[in-house]
Amino acid sequence: MDGNRRYARKRHLNVTQGHTDGYGALRKLLEVCLQLHIKCVTVYAFSIENFKRSEEEVRALMTLAKEKLLELCENGDLLEEYGVKLNVLGKTALLPHDVQEAVRKAEVMTQNHNRAILNLCMPYTSRDEIVTAIESTINKTLENGTNLDDITEDSIDAEMMTTARGSPPLDILVRTSGVRRLSDFMLWQCCENTQIHFTPTYWPDFGMREFIPVILEYQVKVWNRRKHVTKKAT
C-alpha cells in the first residue's frame, strides 16, 4: 500500500489524511476481492523501517492502526460478513502495547472465520521474516534431534509467517506508486509463477479501474499455462 504520503502532498492534505484515505482504499478493494472469491489478500501495512519516520507520523499511524483493526472486525463489518480470518504478521512486539492489544482482540474476533484470509504485515520486512523462519527451522530441528543437513527448502517454507498461518502460494503481487522494486515485501514467496504488477497509481487512488485489468491479465496467463500443459500431455 505505497504512495499515501505522495498522494497527500499532491492534494495538499496532511500525511495522516493520506494514510486514512489509504485505509479507505483497502476496505473498498478488499470487498472487491472477496466478491471475486479471492481467498487470500496480503497487504504491506507498516515496515519495520517505518519506525524511522517522524514521531508524529508514527504515532498517527499507530492510532489509525488500532482504530481500524477493531473497526474491521466489529460485528456485522466486512470481515464478519465475508467470514475473513485476520492475521497480523511481523514483529508485533515492536508495536505499542495498546496496538498489540488491538491486534490480539482483532485476531481472536476472527479466529473462527474460514472463508478467506486477510494478512496485515505490520511491522514487517521480508528479510526479518526469512531470518525468523530459518531460526525457527534450526531450533525445531535441534529439538527433534535430527540432522541440520536434513533441512530443506520446504522445511523453511513451512516456518514462513504466511505459510504458518495457512496462506496459499502467492499468485499476484501489486506494487503501487510507480516504484519498480519489491521493497522487502514477500521476497521468499515470489516465484516464477507469481505475476508482479507495477502501477504508477498511488495506493489511495488504486481501485477497480486499476485492479480488474490485473486480474484479467493473470487469468489469461493461467489459461495459457494450462493450455501449454495440456498440449504437452497430448
Foldseek 3Di string as FASTA:
>chain_A
DFDLQVVCVVVVHDSLVSLVLLVVLVLQAVVVCLVVLPAEAEDALAEPVNVPDDPVVVVSSLVVLLVVLVVCLDVPHDCNVSLEAEAEDADCVPHPPSSSVSRVVSNVSRVPRDSHYYYYYPHDFLVVQQVQLVVVLVVVCVVVVHDPVPDDPVSSVCSRPCNVVPHDQAQEAEDEQQDPDPRRPCPVRDDPRHHYHYYNHGSSPDHPVNPVVVVVVSVVVVVVVVVVVVVVVD
